[in-house]
C-alpha atoms as a PDB file:
ATOM      1  CA  GLN A   1     -45.973  50.280 -38.875  1.00  0.00           C
ATOM      2  CA  VAL A   2     -47.649  46.866 -40.145  1.00  0.00           C
ATOM      3  CA  GLN A   3     -50.835  47.128 -42.416  1.00  0.00           C
ATOM      4  CA  LEU A   4     -52.934  44.242 -43.319  1.00  0.00           C
ATOM      5  CA  VAL A   5     -55.078  44.580 -46.559  1.00  0.00           C
ATOM      6  CA  GLU A   6     -57.765  42.004 -47.205  1.00  0.00           C
ATOM      7  CA  SER A   7     -59.054  41.354 -50.763  1.00  0.00           C
ATOM      8  CA  GLY A   8     -60.757  38.214 -52.429  1.00  0.00           C
ATOM      9  CA  GLY A   9     -64.240  38.422 -50.508  1.00  0.00           C
ATOM     10  CA  GLY A  10     -67.738  38.485 -52.227  1.00  0.00           C
ATOM     11  CA  LEU A  11     -70.662  35.996 -52.884  1.00  0.00           C
ATOM     12  CA  VAL A  12     -70.144  32.412 -53.505  1.00  0.00           C
ATOM     13  CA  GLN A  13     -72.977  29.518 -53.734  1.00  0.00           C
ATOM     14  CA  ALA A  14     -72.528  26.813 -51.448  1.00  0.00           C
ATOM     15  CA  GLY A  15     -70.211  24.235 -52.404  1.00  0.00           C
ATOM     16  CA  GLY A  16     -68.028  26.825 -54.142  1.00  0.00           C
ATOM     17  CA  SER A  17     -64.771  28.017 -53.482  1.00  0.00           C
ATOM     18  CA  LEU A  18     -63.210  31.723 -52.455  1.00  0.00           C
ATOM     19  CA  ARG A  19     -59.439  32.545 -51.895  1.00  0.00           C
ATOM     20  CA  LEU A  20     -58.372  35.353 -49.922  1.00  0.00           C
ATOM     21  CA  SER A  21     -54.841  37.608 -49.784  1.00  0.00           C
ATOM     22  CA  CYS A  22     -53.894  39.518 -47.221  1.00  0.00           C
ATOM     23  CA  ALA A  23     -51.316  42.051 -48.753  1.00  0.00           C
ATOM     24  CA  ALA A  24     -48.958  43.112 -45.378  1.00  0.00           C
ATOM     25  CA  SER A  25     -46.508  45.891 -45.101  1.00  0.00           C
ATOM     26  CA  GLY A  26     -43.833  46.391 -42.808  1.00  0.00           C
ATOM     27  CA  SER A  27     -40.393  45.103 -43.003  1.00  0.00           C
ATOM     28  CA  ILE A  28     -40.782  42.181 -40.135  1.00  0.00           C
ATOM     29  CA  VAL A  29     -44.176  40.568 -41.213  1.00  0.00           C
ATOM     30  CA  SER A  30     -42.142  37.544 -42.422  1.00  0.00           C
ATOM     31  CA  ALA A  31     -40.850  36.804 -38.458  1.00  0.00           C
ATOM     32  CA  PHE A  32     -44.702  36.917 -37.796  1.00  0.00           C
ATOM     33  CA  SER A  33     -47.158  34.565 -36.972  1.00  0.00           C
ATOM     34  CA  MET A  34     -50.327  35.328 -39.192  1.00  0.00           C
ATOM     35  CA  GLY A  35     -53.734  34.214 -39.671  1.00  0.00           C
ATOM     36  CA  TRP A  36     -57.756  34.488 -40.056  1.00  0.00           C
ATOM     37  CA  LEU A  37     -60.357  34.792 -38.042  1.00  0.00           C
ATOM     38  CA  ARG A  38     -63.695  35.092 -38.692  1.00  0.00           C
ATOM     39  CA  GLN A  39     -66.825  37.188 -36.910  1.00  0.00           C
ATOM     40  CA  ALA A  40     -70.621  36.269 -38.176  1.00  0.00           C
ATOM     41  CA  PRO A  41     -73.723  38.353 -37.121  1.00  0.00           C
ATOM     42  CA  GLY A  42     -74.655  37.649 -33.593  1.00  0.00           C
ATOM     43  CA  LYS A  43     -71.897  35.168 -33.096  1.00  0.00           C
ATOM     44  CA  GLN A  44     -68.305  35.379 -31.036  1.00  0.00           C
ATOM     45  CA  ARG A  45     -65.199  35.526 -33.573  1.00  0.00           C
ATOM     46  CA  GLU A  46     -63.431  32.480 -34.506  1.00  0.00           C
ATOM     47  CA  LEU A  47     -60.035  31.251 -35.762  1.00  0.00           C
ATOM     48  CA  VAL A  48     -60.087  29.645 -39.097  1.00  0.00           C
ATOM     49  CA  ALA A  49     -56.182  29.229 -39.690  1.00  0.00           C
ATOM     50  CA  THR A  50     -52.959  30.294 -38.198  1.00  0.00           C
ATOM     51  CA  ILE A  51     -49.765  30.138 -40.407  1.00  0.00           C
ATOM     52  CA  SER A  52     -46.137  30.396 -38.558  1.00  0.00           C
ATOM     53  CA  SER A  53     -42.760  32.062 -39.537  1.00  0.00           C
ATOM     54  CA  GLY A  54     -41.221  28.782 -40.136  1.00  0.00           C
ATOM     55  CA  GLY A  55     -45.106  27.083 -42.239  1.00  0.00           C
ATOM     56  CA  SER A  56     -46.697  25.581 -39.094  1.00  0.00           C
ATOM     57  CA  THR A  57     -50.715  25.745 -39.628  1.00  0.00           C
ATOM     58  CA  ASN A  58     -53.567  25.595 -37.587  1.00  0.00           C
ATOM     59  CA  TYR A  59     -56.948  25.251 -37.873  1.00  0.00           C
ATOM     60  CA  GLY A  60     -60.283  25.738 -36.748  1.00  0.00           C
ATOM     61  CA  ASP A  61     -62.079  22.340 -36.227  1.00  0.00           C
ATOM     62  CA  SER A  62     -64.863  23.497 -38.385  1.00  0.00           C
ATOM     63  CA  VAL A  63     -62.678  24.334 -41.668  1.00  0.00           C
ATOM     64  CA  LYS A  64     -60.041  21.569 -41.255  1.00  0.00           C
ATOM     65  CA  GLY A  65     -60.218  19.087 -44.785  1.00  0.00           C
ATOM     66  CA  ARG A  66     -61.658  22.279 -46.248  1.00  0.00           C
ATOM     67  CA  PHE A  67     -59.613  25.558 -46.077  1.00  0.00           C
ATOM     68  CA  THR A  68     -55.756  26.113 -46.478  1.00  0.00           C
ATOM     69  CA  VAL A  69     -54.066  28.927 -45.256  1.00  0.00           C
ATOM     70  CA  SER A  70     -50.801  29.607 -46.825  1.00  0.00           C
ATOM     71  CA  ARG A  71     -47.932  32.291 -47.125  1.00  0.00           C
ATOM     72  CA  ASP A  72     -45.374  34.157 -49.752  1.00  0.00           C
ATOM     73  CA  ASN A  73     -42.988  35.834 -47.490  1.00  0.00           C
ATOM     74  CA  ALA A  74     -41.442  37.106 -50.540  1.00  0.00           C
ATOM     75  CA  LYS A  75     -44.676  39.000 -51.291  1.00  0.00           C
ATOM     76  CA  SER A  76     -45.768  39.979 -47.558  1.00  0.00           C
ATOM     77  CA  THR A  77     -48.696  37.643 -48.331  1.00  0.00           C
ATOM     78  CA  VAL A  78     -50.809  35.219 -46.682  1.00  0.00           C
ATOM     79  CA  TYR A  79     -53.584  33.298 -48.244  1.00  0.00           C
ATOM     80  CA  LEU A  80     -56.774  31.323 -47.190  1.00  0.00           C
ATOM     81  CA  GLN A  81     -58.306  28.875 -49.652  1.00  0.00           C
ATOM     82  CA  MET A  82     -61.763  28.107 -48.699  1.00  0.00           C
ATOM     83  CA  ASN A  83     -63.324  25.074 -50.587  1.00  0.00           C
ATOM     84  CA  ASN A  84     -66.950  23.520 -50.034  1.00  0.00           C
ATOM     85  CA  LEU A  85     -68.069  26.599 -48.696  1.00  0.00           C
ATOM     86  CA  LYS A  86     -71.043  26.495 -46.270  1.00  0.00           C
ATOM     87  CA  PRO A  87     -73.671  28.772 -45.607  1.00  0.00           C
ATOM     88  CA  GLU A  88     -73.161  29.144 -42.076  1.00  0.00           C
ATOM     89  CA  GLU A  89     -69.497  30.427 -43.001  1.00  0.00           C
ATOM     90  CA  THR A  90     -70.761  33.961 -43.884  1.00  0.00           C
ATOM     91  CA  ALA A  91     -68.854  35.973 -42.038  1.00  0.00           C
ATOM     92  CA  VAL A  92     -66.278  39.075 -42.014  1.00  0.00           C
ATOM     93  CA  TYR A  93     -62.856  37.660 -42.268  1.00  0.00           C
ATOM     94  CA  TYR A  94     -59.836  39.227 -40.954  1.00  0.00           C
ATOM     95  CA  CYS A  95     -56.460  38.625 -41.608  1.00  0.00           C
ATOM     96  CA  VAL A  96     -54.512  38.864 -38.258  1.00  0.00           C
ATOM     97  CA  ALA A  97     -50.663  39.395 -37.635  1.00  0.00           C
ATOM     98  CA  GLY A  98     -48.523  39.401 -34.581  1.00  0.00           C
ATOM     99  CA  LYS A  99     -49.950  37.051 -31.815  1.00  0.00           C
ATOM    100  CA  ILE A 100     -49.204  37.739 -28.139  1.00  0.00           C
ATOM    101  CA  ALA A 101     -50.558  35.070 -25.809  1.00  0.00           C
ATOM    102  CA  SER A 102     -54.194  35.192 -26.982  1.00  0.00           C
ATOM    103  CA  THR A 103     -54.188  38.349 -28.496  1.00  0.00           C
ATOM    104  CA  TRP A 104     -53.462  39.413 -32.290  1.00  0.00           C
ATOM    105  CA  ARG A 105     -51.424  43.039 -32.549  1.00  0.00           C
ATOM    106  CA  TYR A 106     -52.240  43.721 -35.963  1.00  0.00           C
ATOM    107  CA  TRP A 107     -55.532  43.444 -38.170  1.00  0.00           C
ATOM    108  CA  GLY A 108     -56.984  43.758 -41.104  1.00  0.00           C
ATOM    109  CA  GLN A 109     -60.026  45.958 -42.127  1.00  0.00           C
ATOM    110  CA  GLY A 110     -62.146  42.816 -42.812  1.00  0.00           C
ATOM    111  CA  THR A 111     -63.645  41.348 -46.404  1.00  0.00           C
ATOM    112  CA  GLN A 112     -67.057  40.106 -46.254  1.00  0.00           C
ATOM    113  CA  VAL A 113     -67.931  36.691 -47.454  1.00  0.00           C
ATOM    114  CA  THR A 114     -71.054  35.399 -48.280  1.00  0.00           C
ATOM    115  CA  VAL A 115     -72.236  31.728 -48.947  1.00  0.00           C
ATOM    116  CA  SER A 116     -75.464  31.714 -50.361  1.00  0.00           C
ATOM    117  CA  SER A 117     -77.625  28.421 -50.475  1.00  0.00           C
END
């Protein structure tokens, strides 16, 4: 059973930075694709970033150039560095793992990111 625990969310001013961490349990996490999704109130959930087991990355169009996803397989942890944050990026950010087709098998509980203007 894989468990994902996010940390690092909080309140930041527009233009600021945050780094989210996702600690994963489970002996085969290093073999999974992992990523971050977010959901703002009243909006659909959207892709933020993904990283494959081999380290290939993919980003949502709105975050390209500002966000960076990385992973440390030895620590079973994935990170999301978020720079130049915007108020409209206020959302709950979810760590996910184990992509199957268009769905994700494992989800964290989510961490709130609030960007003030």
